[in-house]
Amino acid sequence: MSLLGPLPGEELQPGLILQRGWFGRPAQEALVANLRDIIRAAPLFAPVMPRTGTPFSVRMTNCGPLGWVSDVRGYRYQPQHPETGAPWPAIPPVLLETWRELAGYARLPEACLVNWYEGKAKMGLHQDRDEDEFAAPVLSVSLGDACLFRYGGLKRKDPTRSVRLESGDVLLIGGASRLCFHGVDRVEAASSDLLPRGGRINLTMRRVTPG
């Protein structure tokens, strides 16, 4: 967490809690070093939409016992990289500690999805509902350039609001907001110098199976 200590959480709506500056700069740099090792073991890949094969604008990888993938066969979690067939690397201890402190859920996450946004990459409104355990939150960590994060209700047509997420912020998506629609409208290029090439990394930890 931040060397200054965690700031009070800001409840954006019931169950959606933003911890600004949870990770200070040294912790962010250490996480980026962890991610370099993860990506060497589990290279970034380009997912595609089910059925249509339309590519996502982000590239991704995973760490943990399970990893989320998307291809023409559908969305799912699986224990191996879709291209190399190798098991996913372990979730870094600092992320597991963050889960213990913020998630309010006894069991550890089984998957940590790593999304890499560069250029004009974004993420349309969606729900995280491929898990079998909705009592556990999704815990999201932002690194690098800031983004405009959009969130709404449990229906796609519900009104939405937006908030700026910056490097080091942690967002808990749980409780009444566990299945809220959310997405990333845009990334603010050159808003952070954490990543040498710019861009944004988003880490989302999930519990997939019930306790």
N, C-alpha and C. Protein backbone atom coordinates (compact mmCIF):
# COMPACT_ATOMS: atom_id res chain seq x y z
N MET A 1 0.84 -1.19 0.00
CA MET A 1 0.00 0.00 0.00
C MET A 1 0.87 1.24 0.00
N SER A 2 0.25 2.38 -0.12
CA SER A 2 0.98 3.64 -0.14
C SER A 2 1.84 3.80 1.09
N LEU A 3 3.04 4.38 0.92
CA LEU A 3 3.90 4.65 2.06
C LEU A 3 3.26 5.65 3.02
N LEU A 4 2.30 6.42 2.53
CA LEU A 4 1.58 7.37 3.38
C LEU A 4 0.41 6.70 4.10
N GLY A 5 0.19 5.44 3.81
CA GLY A 5 -0.94 4.73 4.39
C GLY A 5 -2.15 4.89 3.50
N PRO A 6 -3.11 3.95 3.60
CA PRO A 6 -4.28 4.01 2.74
C PRO A 6 -5.16 5.22 3.06
N LEU A 7 -5.67 5.86 2.02
CA LEU A 7 -6.64 6.92 2.21
C LEU A 7 -8.01 6.29 2.45
N PRO A 8 -8.93 7.02 3.11
CA PRO A 8 -10.26 6.45 3.33
C PRO A 8 -10.91 6.07 2.00
N GLY A 9 -11.57 4.92 1.96
CA GLY A 9 -12.22 4.49 0.74
C GLY A 9 -13.38 5.40 0.38
N GLU A 10 -13.54 5.64 -0.92
CA GLU A 10 -14.63 6.48 -1.43
C GLU A 10 -15.67 5.56 -2.05
N GLU A 11 -16.87 5.55 -1.50
CA GLU A 11 -17.93 4.70 -2.03
C GLU A 11 -18.61 5.42 -3.20
N LEU A 12 -18.36 4.95 -4.40
CA LEU A 12 -18.92 5.56 -5.59
C LEU A 12 -20.40 5.25 -5.73
N GLN A 13 -20.76 4.05 -5.33
CA GLN A 13 -22.15 3.60 -5.21
C GLN A 13 -22.08 2.36 -4.32
N PRO A 14 -23.20 1.87 -3.80
CA PRO A 14 -23.13 0.74 -2.87
C PRO A 14 -22.32 -0.43 -3.43
N GLY A 15 -21.27 -0.81 -2.71
CA GLY A 15 -20.44 -1.93 -3.11
C GLY A 15 -19.29 -1.60 -4.04
N LEU A 16 -19.26 -0.36 -4.53
CA LEU A 16 -18.19 0.05 -5.45
C LEU A 16 -17.31 1.06 -4.71
N ILE A 17 -16.15 0.61 -4.26
CA ILE A 17 -15.33 1.41 -3.34
C ILE A 17 -13.96 1.66 -3.95
N LEU A 18 -13.60 2.94 -4.02
CA LEU A 18 -12.33 3.35 -4.61
C LEU A 18 -11.34 3.72 -3.51
N GLN A 19 -10.17 3.07 -3.54
CA GLN A 19 -9.07 3.38 -2.64
C GLN A 19 -8.01 4.12 -3.46
N ARG A 20 -8.00 5.44 -3.34
CA ARG A 20 -7.05 6.22 -4.13
C ARG A 20 -5.64 6.12 -3.53
N GLY A 21 -4.65 5.96 -4.40
CA GLY A 21 -3.27 5.95 -3.96
C GLY A 21 -2.91 4.81 -3.04
N TRP A 22 -3.57 3.67 -3.19
CA TRP A 22 -3.27 2.53 -2.31
C TRP A 22 -1.81 2.10 -2.46
N PHE A 23 -1.34 2.07 -3.70
CA PHE A 23 0.06 1.73 -3.96
C PHE A 23 0.84 3.01 -4.24
N GLY A 24 1.85 3.29 -3.41
CA GLY A 24 2.74 4.42 -3.68
C GLY A 24 3.69 4.09 -4.82
N ARG A 25 4.49 5.08 -5.22
CA ARG A 25 5.35 4.90 -6.39
C ARG A 25 6.31 3.71 -6.25
N PRO A 26 7.03 3.53 -5.12
CA PRO A 26 7.92 2.37 -5.04
C PRO A 26 7.18 1.04 -5.20
N ALA A 27 5.98 0.95 -4.61
CA ALA A 27 5.20 -0.28 -4.73
C ALA A 27 4.73 -0.49 -6.16
N GLN A 28 4.38 0.59 -6.86
CA GLN A 28 3.99 0.47 -8.26
C GLN A 28 5.16 -0.04 -9.11
N GLU A 29 6.35 0.51 -8.87
CA GLU A 29 7.52 0.08 -9.63
C GLU A 29 7.83 -1.40 -9.37
N ALA A 30 7.67 -1.82 -8.11
CA ALA A 30 7.90 -3.23 -7.79
C ALA A 30 6.88 -4.13 -8.49
N LEU A 31 5.63 -3.67 -8.56
CA LEU A 31 4.60 -4.45 -9.25
C LEU A 31 4.91 -4.56 -10.74
N VAL A 32 5.37 -3.48 -11.34
CA VAL A 32 5.72 -3.53 -12.76
C VAL A 32 6.84 -4.54 -12.98
N ALA A 33 7.82 -4.59 -12.08
CA ALA A 33 8.90 -5.59 -12.20
C ALA A 33 8.32 -7.00 -12.10
N ASN A 34 7.37 -7.21 -11.17
CA ASN A 34 6.69 -8.51 -11.08
C ASN A 34 6.01 -8.86 -12.40
N LEU A 35 5.36 -7.86 -12.99
CA LEU A 35 4.60 -8.11 -14.22
C LEU A 35 5.51 -8.45 -15.39
N ARG A 36 6.71 -7.88 -15.42
CA ARG A 36 7.65 -8.24 -16.48
C ARG A 36 7.97 -9.74 -16.41
N ASP A 37 8.16 -10.25 -15.20
CA ASP A 37 8.43 -11.68 -15.03
C ASP A 37 7.22 -12.51 -15.44
N ILE A 38 6.02 -12.04 -15.07
CA ILE A 38 4.80 -12.76 -15.42
C ILE A 38 4.64 -12.83 -16.93
N ILE A 39 4.87 -11.70 -17.61
CA ILE A 39 4.67 -11.67 -19.06
C ILE A 39 5.73 -12.48 -19.79
N ARG A 40 6.92 -12.58 -19.23
CA ARG A 40 7.93 -13.46 -19.83
C ARG A 40 7.47 -14.92 -19.76
N ALA A 41 6.83 -15.28 -18.65
CA ALA A 41 6.37 -16.66 -18.48
C ALA A 41 5.06 -16.92 -19.20
N ALA A 42 4.20 -15.90 -19.28
CA ALA A 42 2.88 -16.03 -19.90
C ALA A 42 2.69 -14.83 -20.82
N PRO A 43 3.17 -14.89 -22.06
CA PRO A 43 3.16 -13.71 -22.95
C PRO A 43 1.75 -13.15 -23.17
N LEU A 44 1.71 -11.85 -23.39
CA LEU A 44 0.45 -11.21 -23.74
C LEU A 44 -0.12 -11.85 -25.00
N PHE A 45 -1.43 -12.02 -25.03
CA PHE A 45 -2.09 -12.56 -26.22
C PHE A 45 -3.27 -11.67 -26.58
N ALA A 46 -3.77 -11.81 -27.78
CA ALA A 46 -4.86 -10.98 -28.28
C ALA A 46 -6.15 -11.79 -28.26
N PRO A 47 -7.03 -11.55 -27.30
CA PRO A 47 -8.30 -12.29 -27.26
C PRO A 47 -9.24 -11.81 -28.36
N VAL A 48 -10.22 -12.65 -28.70
CA VAL A 48 -11.23 -12.28 -29.69
C VAL A 48 -12.61 -12.55 -29.11
N MET A 49 -13.61 -11.90 -29.67
CA MET A 49 -14.98 -12.06 -29.22
C MET A 49 -15.52 -13.44 -29.61
N PRO A 50 -16.35 -14.03 -28.76
CA PRO A 50 -16.97 -15.30 -29.14
C PRO A 50 -17.78 -15.16 -30.43
N ARG A 51 -17.82 -16.24 -31.16
CA ARG A 51 -18.59 -16.36 -32.41
C ARG A 51 -18.05 -15.49 -33.54
N THR A 52 -17.92 -14.16 -33.32
CA THR A 52 -17.53 -13.28 -34.42
C THR A 52 -16.03 -13.28 -34.69
N GLY A 53 -15.24 -13.55 -33.65
CA GLY A 53 -13.79 -13.49 -33.82
C GLY A 53 -13.23 -12.09 -33.87
N THR A 54 -14.06 -11.08 -33.54
CA THR A 54 -13.59 -9.70 -33.54
C THR A 54 -12.56 -9.51 -32.43
N PRO A 55 -11.37 -8.98 -32.72
CA PRO A 55 -10.35 -8.85 -31.68
C PRO A 55 -10.67 -7.75 -30.67
N PHE A 56 -10.30 -7.97 -29.43
CA PHE A 56 -10.35 -6.93 -28.41
C PHE A 56 -9.32 -5.86 -28.77
N SER A 57 -9.51 -4.66 -28.21
CA SER A 57 -8.49 -3.61 -28.42
C SER A 57 -7.39 -3.69 -27.37
N VAL A 58 -7.56 -4.53 -26.35
CA VAL A 58 -6.52 -4.73 -25.34
C VAL A 58 -5.87 -6.09 -25.57
N ARG A 59 -4.60 -6.21 -25.13
CA ARG A 59 -3.97 -7.51 -25.02
C ARG A 59 -3.97 -7.92 -23.56
N MET A 60 -3.85 -9.19 -23.30
CA MET A 60 -3.97 -9.64 -21.92
C MET A 60 -3.15 -10.89 -21.65
N THR A 61 -3.00 -11.16 -20.35
CA THR A 61 -2.48 -12.42 -19.87
C THR A 61 -3.07 -12.61 -18.48
N ASN A 62 -2.61 -13.63 -17.75
CA ASN A 62 -3.15 -13.93 -16.42
C ASN A 62 -2.06 -14.44 -15.51
N CYS A 63 -2.35 -14.39 -14.23
CA CYS A 63 -1.55 -15.14 -13.25
C CYS A 63 -2.50 -15.72 -12.22
N GLY A 64 -2.05 -16.78 -11.56
CA GLY A 64 -2.90 -17.50 -10.61
C GLY A 64 -3.22 -18.90 -11.11
N PRO A 65 -3.91 -19.71 -10.32
CA PRO A 65 -4.25 -21.08 -10.74
C PRO A 65 -5.13 -21.12 -11.99
N LEU A 66 -5.96 -20.08 -12.19
CA LEU A 66 -6.85 -20.02 -13.34
C LEU A 66 -6.64 -18.71 -14.09
N GLY A 67 -6.97 -18.70 -15.35
CA GLY A 67 -6.87 -17.48 -16.15
C GLY A 67 -8.09 -17.34 -17.04
N TRP A 68 -8.52 -16.08 -17.23
CA TRP A 68 -9.69 -15.81 -18.08
C TRP A 68 -9.24 -15.68 -19.52
N VAL A 69 -9.97 -16.34 -20.42
CA VAL A 69 -9.67 -16.25 -21.84
C VAL A 69 -10.97 -16.05 -22.62
N SER A 70 -10.83 -15.52 -23.82
CA SER A 70 -11.97 -15.34 -24.72
C SER A 70 -11.53 -15.71 -26.12
N ASP A 71 -12.30 -16.58 -26.77
CA ASP A 71 -12.06 -16.91 -28.17
C ASP A 71 -13.39 -17.24 -28.82
N VAL A 72 -13.38 -17.76 -30.03
CA VAL A 72 -14.63 -18.00 -30.74
C VAL A 72 -15.52 -19.01 -30.02
N ARG A 73 -14.94 -19.80 -29.11
CA ARG A 73 -15.74 -20.78 -28.37
C ARG A 73 -16.44 -20.18 -27.17
N GLY A 74 -16.01 -18.99 -26.73
CA GLY A 74 -16.69 -18.34 -25.62
C GLY A 74 -15.72 -17.82 -24.56
N TYR A 75 -16.32 -17.28 -23.49
CA TYR A 75 -15.56 -16.81 -22.33
C TYR A 75 -15.42 -17.96 -21.34
N ARG A 76 -14.25 -18.05 -20.70
CA ARG A 76 -14.08 -19.12 -19.72
C ARG A 76 -12.80 -18.90 -18.92
N TYR A 77 -12.68 -19.66 -17.85
CA TYR A 77 -11.44 -19.74 -17.08
C TYR A 77 -10.79 -21.09 -17.36
N GLN A 78 -9.47 -21.10 -17.47
CA GLN A 78 -8.75 -22.34 -17.69
C GLN A 78 -7.38 -22.26 -17.02
N PRO A 79 -6.76 -23.41 -16.73
CA PRO A 79 -5.51 -23.41 -15.97
C PRO A 79 -4.26 -23.20 -16.79
N GLN A 80 -4.36 -23.04 -18.11
CA GLN A 80 -3.16 -22.92 -18.93
C GLN A 80 -3.31 -21.79 -19.95
N HIS A 81 -2.16 -21.26 -20.36
CA HIS A 81 -2.10 -20.21 -21.37
C HIS A 81 -2.66 -20.75 -22.69
N PRO A 82 -3.50 -19.99 -23.40
CA PRO A 82 -4.13 -20.52 -24.62
C PRO A 82 -3.16 -20.74 -25.78
N GLU A 83 -2.01 -20.10 -25.76
CA GLU A 83 -1.07 -20.25 -26.86
C GLU A 83 0.11 -21.16 -26.52
N THR A 84 0.65 -21.04 -25.31
CA THR A 84 1.81 -21.85 -24.94
C THR A 84 1.42 -23.18 -24.29
N GLY A 85 0.21 -23.24 -23.72
CA GLY A 85 -0.22 -24.44 -23.01
C GLY A 85 0.39 -24.57 -21.63
N ALA A 86 1.21 -23.60 -21.21
CA ALA A 86 1.87 -23.66 -19.90
C ALA A 86 0.93 -23.16 -18.80
N PRO A 87 1.14 -23.63 -17.56
CA PRO A 87 0.35 -23.09 -16.45
C PRO A 87 0.63 -21.60 -16.27
N TRP A 88 -0.35 -20.89 -15.74
CA TRP A 88 -0.14 -19.47 -15.45
C TRP A 88 0.83 -19.30 -14.29
N PRO A 89 1.64 -18.24 -14.28
CA PRO A 89 2.50 -17.98 -13.13
C PRO A 89 1.68 -17.58 -11.90
N ALA A 90 2.34 -17.57 -10.76
CA ALA A 90 1.65 -17.28 -9.50
C ALA A 90 1.30 -15.79 -9.39
N ILE A 91 0.26 -15.50 -8.62
CA ILE A 91 -0.10 -14.12 -8.31
C ILE A 91 0.93 -13.55 -7.35
N PRO A 92 1.47 -12.37 -7.59
CA PRO A 92 2.47 -11.78 -6.69
C PRO A 92 1.93 -11.63 -5.26
N PRO A 93 2.78 -11.91 -4.26
CA PRO A 93 2.33 -11.83 -2.86
C PRO A 93 1.73 -10.48 -2.48
N VAL A 94 2.24 -9.38 -3.03
CA VAL A 94 1.72 -8.07 -2.65
C VAL A 94 0.26 -7.92 -3.09
N LEU A 95 -0.12 -8.55 -4.19
CA LEU A 95 -1.51 -8.51 -4.62
C LEU A 95 -2.39 -9.37 -3.72
N LEU A 96 -1.88 -10.51 -3.30
CA LEU A 96 -2.64 -11.35 -2.37
C LEU A 96 -2.84 -10.63 -1.04
N GLU A 97 -1.83 -9.90 -0.59
CA GLU A 97 -1.96 -9.14 0.65
C GLU A 97 -3.00 -8.03 0.49
N THR A 98 -3.02 -7.39 -0.65
CA THR A 98 -4.04 -6.37 -0.91
C THR A 98 -5.44 -6.97 -0.86
N TRP A 99 -5.58 -8.15 -1.44
CA TRP A 99 -6.87 -8.85 -1.38
C TRP A 99 -7.27 -9.10 0.07
N ARG A 100 -6.33 -9.60 0.87
CA ARG A 100 -6.64 -9.89 2.27
C ARG A 100 -7.12 -8.64 3.01
N GLU A 101 -6.53 -7.50 2.68
CA GLU A 101 -6.84 -6.27 3.39
C GLU A 101 -8.14 -5.62 2.92
N LEU A 102 -8.49 -5.80 1.66
CA LEU A 102 -9.60 -5.03 1.12
C LEU A 102 -10.81 -5.84 0.69
N ALA A 103 -10.64 -7.11 0.35
CA ALA A 103 -11.73 -7.85 -0.29
C ALA A 103 -12.87 -8.19 0.67
N GLY A 104 -12.56 -8.42 1.94
CA GLY A 104 -13.61 -8.84 2.86
C GLY A 104 -14.14 -10.22 2.52
N TYR A 105 -13.29 -11.07 2.00
CA TYR A 105 -13.66 -12.42 1.61
C TYR A 105 -12.54 -13.35 2.04
N ALA A 106 -12.89 -14.45 2.70
CA ALA A 106 -11.89 -15.27 3.39
C ALA A 106 -10.93 -15.98 2.44
N ARG A 107 -11.42 -16.45 1.32
CA ARG A 107 -10.57 -17.24 0.43
C ARG A 107 -9.84 -16.35 -0.57
N LEU A 108 -8.67 -16.81 -1.00
CA LEU A 108 -7.83 -16.02 -1.89
C LEU A 108 -8.35 -16.05 -3.32
N PRO A 109 -7.98 -15.07 -4.13
CA PRO A 109 -8.38 -15.10 -5.55
C PRO A 109 -7.72 -16.25 -6.27
N GLU A 110 -8.40 -16.73 -7.30
CA GLU A 110 -7.85 -17.82 -8.11
C GLU A 110 -7.33 -17.32 -9.46
N ALA A 111 -7.69 -16.11 -9.82
CA ALA A 111 -7.28 -15.56 -11.11
C ALA A 111 -6.96 -14.09 -10.96
N CYS A 112 -5.94 -13.66 -11.68
CA CYS A 112 -5.62 -12.23 -11.80
C CYS A 112 -5.44 -11.94 -13.28
N LEU A 113 -6.43 -11.27 -13.86
CA LEU A 113 -6.38 -10.91 -15.27
C LEU A 113 -5.53 -9.66 -15.44
N VAL A 114 -4.62 -9.69 -16.39
CA VAL A 114 -3.74 -8.56 -16.69
C VAL A 114 -4.15 -7.99 -18.05
N ASN A 115 -4.72 -6.79 -18.06
CA ASN A 115 -5.10 -6.13 -19.31
C ASN A 115 -4.11 -5.02 -19.62
N TRP A 116 -3.61 -5.00 -20.86
CA TRP A 116 -2.64 -4.00 -21.29
C TRP A 116 -3.31 -3.08 -22.32
N TYR A 117 -3.49 -1.81 -21.92
CA TYR A 117 -4.09 -0.81 -22.80
C TYR A 117 -2.99 0.05 -23.40
N GLU A 118 -2.98 0.14 -24.71
CA GLU A 118 -2.05 1.04 -25.38
C GLU A 118 -2.77 1.69 -26.56
N GLY A 119 -2.25 2.84 -27.01
CA GLY A 119 -2.91 3.53 -28.10
C GLY A 119 -4.32 3.95 -27.73
N LYS A 120 -5.29 3.57 -28.55
CA LYS A 120 -6.69 3.94 -28.33
C LYS A 120 -7.50 2.79 -27.74
N ALA A 121 -6.82 1.87 -27.08
CA ALA A 121 -7.52 0.72 -26.49
C ALA A 121 -8.53 1.19 -25.45
N LYS A 122 -9.66 0.49 -25.38
CA LYS A 122 -10.69 0.77 -24.40
C LYS A 122 -11.43 -0.53 -24.10
N MET A 123 -12.42 -0.46 -23.22
CA MET A 123 -13.19 -1.64 -22.86
C MET A 123 -14.65 -1.24 -22.76
N GLY A 124 -15.50 -1.86 -23.58
CA GLY A 124 -16.92 -1.53 -23.57
C GLY A 124 -17.60 -1.96 -22.29
N LEU A 125 -18.80 -1.43 -22.06
CA LEU A 125 -19.57 -1.79 -20.87
C LEU A 125 -19.81 -3.30 -20.85
N HIS A 126 -19.56 -3.89 -19.71
CA HIS A 126 -19.73 -5.34 -19.55
C HIS A 126 -19.92 -5.66 -18.08
N GLN A 127 -20.34 -6.89 -17.80
CA GLN A 127 -20.41 -7.41 -16.44
C GLN A 127 -19.35 -8.49 -16.28
N ASP A 128 -18.78 -8.60 -15.09
CA ASP A 128 -17.88 -9.72 -14.77
C ASP A 128 -18.75 -10.83 -14.17
N ARG A 129 -19.19 -11.74 -15.03
CA ARG A 129 -20.14 -12.76 -14.56
C ARG A 129 -19.77 -14.17 -15.03
N ASP A 130 -18.50 -14.39 -15.37
CA ASP A 130 -18.08 -15.73 -15.78
C ASP A 130 -17.61 -16.57 -14.60
N GLU A 131 -17.67 -15.99 -13.39
CA GLU A 131 -17.29 -16.72 -12.19
C GLU A 131 -18.50 -17.47 -11.62
N ASP A 132 -18.24 -18.48 -10.79
CA ASP A 132 -19.31 -19.19 -10.11
C ASP A 132 -19.55 -18.63 -8.71
N GLU A 133 -18.71 -17.71 -8.27
CA GLU A 133 -18.80 -17.15 -6.93
C GLU A 133 -18.96 -15.63 -7.01
N PHE A 134 -20.19 -15.17 -6.76
CA PHE A 134 -20.45 -13.74 -6.79
C PHE A 134 -20.41 -13.10 -5.41
N ALA A 135 -20.23 -13.92 -4.36
CA ALA A 135 -20.08 -13.34 -3.01
C ALA A 135 -18.72 -12.67 -2.87
N ALA A 136 -17.75 -13.09 -3.66
CA ALA A 136 -16.42 -12.47 -3.64
C ALA A 136 -16.41 -11.29 -4.59
N PRO A 137 -15.72 -10.21 -4.23
CA PRO A 137 -15.64 -9.05 -5.13
C PRO A 137 -14.63 -9.29 -6.24
N VAL A 138 -14.62 -8.36 -7.17
CA VAL A 138 -13.51 -8.22 -8.11
C VAL A 138 -12.67 -7.06 -7.61
N LEU A 139 -11.36 -7.25 -7.49
CA LEU A 139 -10.47 -6.21 -6.98
C LEU A 139 -9.56 -5.76 -8.12
N SER A 140 -9.65 -4.47 -8.46
CA SER A 140 -8.99 -3.94 -9.64
C SER A 140 -7.88 -2.96 -9.26
N VAL A 141 -6.69 -3.15 -9.84
CA VAL A 141 -5.52 -2.31 -9.58
C VAL A 141 -5.14 -1.59 -10.87
N SER A 142 -4.94 -0.27 -10.80
CA SER A 142 -4.55 0.52 -11.96
C SER A 142 -3.06 0.88 -11.88
N LEU A 143 -2.36 0.73 -13.00
CA LEU A 143 -0.95 1.10 -13.10
C LEU A 143 -0.72 1.85 -14.42
N GLY A 144 0.09 2.90 -14.36
CA GLY A 144 0.41 3.64 -15.58
C GLY A 144 -0.56 4.77 -15.84
N ASP A 145 -0.83 5.02 -17.12
CA ASP A 145 -1.67 6.16 -17.49
C ASP A 145 -3.07 6.07 -16.86
N ALA A 146 -3.61 7.24 -16.55
CA ALA A 146 -4.95 7.32 -15.99
C ALA A 146 -5.98 6.93 -17.05
N CYS A 147 -7.18 6.56 -16.59
CA CYS A 147 -8.25 6.22 -17.51
C CYS A 147 -9.56 6.82 -17.01
N LEU A 148 -10.52 6.91 -17.91
CA LEU A 148 -11.88 7.30 -17.55
C LEU A 148 -12.69 6.02 -17.45
N PHE A 149 -13.06 5.69 -16.21
CA PHE A 149 -13.78 4.45 -15.90
C PHE A 149 -15.26 4.76 -15.80
N ARG A 150 -16.08 4.02 -16.53
CA ARG A 150 -17.52 4.24 -16.52
C ARG A 150 -18.21 3.09 -15.77
N TYR A 151 -19.18 3.42 -14.96
CA TYR A 151 -19.91 2.40 -14.20
C TYR A 151 -21.38 2.74 -14.13
N GLY A 152 -22.20 1.70 -13.99
CA GLY A 152 -23.64 1.88 -13.95
C GLY A 152 -24.31 0.88 -13.04
N GLY A 153 -25.49 0.43 -13.46
CA GLY A 153 -26.27 -0.48 -12.65
C GLY A 153 -26.20 -1.91 -13.16
N LEU A 154 -27.22 -2.69 -12.81
CA LEU A 154 -27.24 -4.10 -13.15
C LEU A 154 -27.82 -4.36 -14.54
N LYS A 155 -28.34 -3.31 -15.18
CA LYS A 155 -28.85 -3.42 -16.54
C LYS A 155 -28.02 -2.52 -17.46
N ARG A 156 -27.81 -2.97 -18.67
CA ARG A 156 -26.96 -2.23 -19.60
C ARG A 156 -27.48 -0.81 -19.84
N LYS A 157 -28.80 -0.63 -19.81
CA LYS A 157 -29.37 0.68 -20.11
C LYS A 157 -29.52 1.57 -18.88
N ASP A 158 -29.09 1.10 -17.71
CA ASP A 158 -29.13 1.95 -16.52
C ASP A 158 -28.23 3.16 -16.70
N PRO A 159 -28.54 4.28 -16.04
CA PRO A 159 -27.67 5.46 -16.12
C PRO A 159 -26.24 5.13 -15.66
N THR A 160 -25.26 5.80 -16.25
CA THR A 160 -23.86 5.57 -15.89
C THR A 160 -23.22 6.87 -15.43
N ARG A 161 -22.13 6.70 -14.69
CA ARG A 161 -21.29 7.82 -14.29
C ARG A 161 -19.84 7.43 -14.56
N SER A 162 -18.96 8.42 -14.50
CA SER A 162 -17.55 8.16 -14.79
C SER A 162 -16.66 8.69 -13.68
N VAL A 163 -15.51 8.05 -13.49
CA VAL A 163 -14.53 8.49 -12.52
C VAL A 163 -13.14 8.26 -13.11
N ARG A 164 -12.20 9.14 -12.78
CA ARG A 164 -10.83 9.01 -13.27
C ARG A 164 -10.06 8.08 -12.33
N LEU A 165 -9.47 7.03 -12.88
CA LEU A 165 -8.63 6.12 -12.12
C LEU A 165 -7.18 6.40 -12.46
N GLU A 166 -6.34 6.55 -11.42
CA GLU A 166 -4.94 6.87 -11.62
C GLU A 166 -4.05 5.73 -11.16
N SER A 167 -2.79 5.82 -11.53
CA SER A 167 -1.82 4.79 -11.18
C SER A 167 -1.74 4.62 -9.66
N GLY A 168 -1.87 3.39 -9.18
CA GLY A 168 -1.83 3.11 -7.76
C GLY A 168 -3.19 3.00 -7.11
N ASP A 169 -4.26 3.37 -7.83
CA ASP A 169 -5.61 3.26 -7.28
C ASP A 169 -6.06 1.81 -7.29
N VAL A 170 -6.90 1.46 -6.30
CA VAL A 170 -7.51 0.13 -6.23
C VAL A 170 -9.01 0.31 -6.13
N LEU A 171 -9.75 -0.41 -6.94
CA LEU A 171 -11.21 -0.34 -6.97
C LEU A 171 -11.79 -1.69 -6.61
N LEU A 172 -12.67 -1.69 -5.61
CA LEU A 172 -13.37 -2.92 -5.22
C LEU A 172 -14.75 -2.90 -5.84
N ILE A 173 -15.07 -3.95 -6.59
CA ILE A 173 -16.38 -4.10 -7.22
C ILE A 173 -17.06 -5.28 -6.54
N GLY A 174 -17.92 -4.99 -5.58
CA GLY A 174 -18.53 -6.06 -4.80
C GLY A 174 -19.91 -5.68 -4.31
N GLY A 175 -20.44 -6.53 -3.43
CA GLY A 175 -21.74 -6.25 -2.84
C GLY A 175 -22.82 -6.01 -3.88
N ALA A 176 -23.58 -4.92 -3.70
CA ALA A 176 -24.67 -4.60 -4.62
C ALA A 176 -24.17 -4.24 -6.00
N SER A 177 -22.87 -3.94 -6.13
CA SER A 177 -22.30 -3.57 -7.43
C SER A 177 -21.50 -4.69 -8.07
N ARG A 178 -21.54 -5.88 -7.48
CA ARG A 178 -20.70 -6.97 -8.00
C ARG A 178 -20.97 -7.24 -9.48
N LEU A 179 -22.21 -7.12 -9.92
CA LEU A 179 -22.55 -7.38 -11.31
C LEU A 179 -22.92 -6.11 -12.06
N CYS A 180 -22.40 -4.98 -11.60
CA CYS A 180 -22.71 -3.73 -12.30
C CYS A 180 -21.99 -3.70 -13.65
N PHE A 181 -22.61 -3.03 -14.61
CA PHE A 181 -21.96 -2.80 -15.90
C PHE A 181 -20.87 -1.75 -15.72
N HIS A 182 -19.73 -1.98 -16.34
CA HIS A 182 -18.61 -1.06 -16.21
C HIS A 182 -17.69 -1.21 -17.43
N GLY A 183 -16.86 -0.20 -17.64
CA GLY A 183 -15.94 -0.24 -18.77
C GLY A 183 -14.96 0.91 -18.72
N VAL A 184 -14.08 0.95 -19.70
CA VAL A 184 -13.06 2.00 -19.80
C VAL A 184 -13.30 2.76 -21.09
N ASP A 185 -13.68 4.05 -20.96
CA ASP A 185 -13.96 4.87 -22.15
C ASP A 185 -12.70 5.27 -22.89
N ARG A 186 -11.67 5.64 -22.15
CA ARG A 186 -10.43 6.04 -22.81
C ARG A 186 -9.29 6.08 -21.80
N VAL A 187 -8.09 6.01 -22.30
CA VAL A 187 -6.87 6.14 -21.50
C VAL A 187 -6.24 7.48 -21.83
N GLU A 188 -5.78 8.18 -20.80
CA GLU A 188 -5.18 9.49 -20.98
C GLU A 188 -3.68 9.33 -21.23
N ALA A 189 -3.31 9.41 -22.47
CA ALA A 189 -1.91 9.19 -22.86
C ALA A 189 -0.98 10.17 -22.16
N ALA A 190 0.19 9.66 -21.75
CA ALA A 190 1.26 10.46 -21.13
C ALA A 190 0.83 11.11 -19.82
N SER A 191 -0.18 10.55 -19.14
CA SER A 191 -0.57 11.08 -17.84
C SER A 191 0.24 10.49 -16.70
N SER A 192 1.08 9.49 -17.00
CA SER A 192 1.95 8.87 -16.01
C SER A 192 3.27 8.51 -16.68
N ASP A 193 4.36 8.53 -15.92
CA ASP A 193 5.65 8.10 -16.45
C ASP A 193 6.10 6.77 -15.85
N LEU A 194 5.16 6.03 -15.27
CA LEU A 194 5.52 4.76 -14.64
C LEU A 194 6.01 3.74 -15.67
N LEU A 195 5.34 3.65 -16.81
CA LEU A 195 5.68 2.68 -17.84
C LEU A 195 6.50 3.38 -18.93
N PRO A 196 7.68 2.92 -19.24
CA PRO A 196 8.56 3.61 -20.19
C PRO A 196 7.90 3.88 -21.54
N ARG A 197 7.06 2.97 -21.99
CA ARG A 197 6.40 3.14 -23.30
C ARG A 197 5.01 3.75 -23.14
N GLY A 198 4.64 4.15 -21.95
CA GLY A 198 3.30 4.66 -21.73
C GLY A 198 2.29 3.52 -21.70
N GLY A 199 1.00 3.88 -21.67
CA GLY A 199 -0.04 2.88 -21.62
C GLY A 199 -0.53 2.63 -20.21
N ARG A 200 -1.49 1.76 -20.10
CA ARG A 200 -2.11 1.44 -18.80
C ARG A 200 -2.16 -0.06 -18.62
N ILE A 201 -1.89 -0.51 -17.40
CA ILE A 201 -2.06 -1.90 -17.02
C ILE A 201 -3.16 -1.96 -15.97
N ASN A 202 -4.10 -2.88 -16.17
CA ASN A 202 -5.16 -3.10 -15.19
C ASN A 202 -5.10 -4.55 -14.73
N LEU A 203 -5.03 -4.75 -13.43
CA LEU A 203 -5.01 -6.07 -12.84
C LEU A 203 -6.33 -6.30 -12.12
N THR A 204 -7.04 -7.37 -12.44
CA THR A 204 -8.29 -7.64 -11.74
C THR A 204 -8.23 -9.04 -11.14
N MET A 205 -8.33 -9.08 -9.82
CA MET A 205 -8.31 -10.35 -9.10
C MET A 205 -9.73 -10.84 -8.90
N ARG A 206 -9.93 -12.14 -9.14
CA ARG A 206 -11.25 -12.73 -9.03
C ARG A 206 -11.19 -14.09 -8.33
N ARG A 207 -12.22 -14.36 -7.55
CA ARG A 207 -12.45 -15.71 -7.04
C ARG A 207 -13.41 -16.38 -7.98
N VAL A 208 -13.05 -17.52 -8.52
CA VAL A 208 -13.84 -18.15 -9.56
C VAL A 208 -14.82 -19.18 -9.00
N THR A 209 -14.36 -20.02 -8.08
CA THR A 209 -15.19 -21.10 -7.54
C THR A 209 -15.63 -20.78 -6.11
N PRO A 210 -16.78 -21.31 -5.67
CA PRO A 210 -17.24 -21.05 -4.31
C PRO A 210 -16.28 -21.61 -3.27
N GLY A 211 -16.29 -21.02 -2.08
CA GLY A 211 -15.44 -21.48 -1.01
C GLY A 211 -15.86 -22.84 -0.52
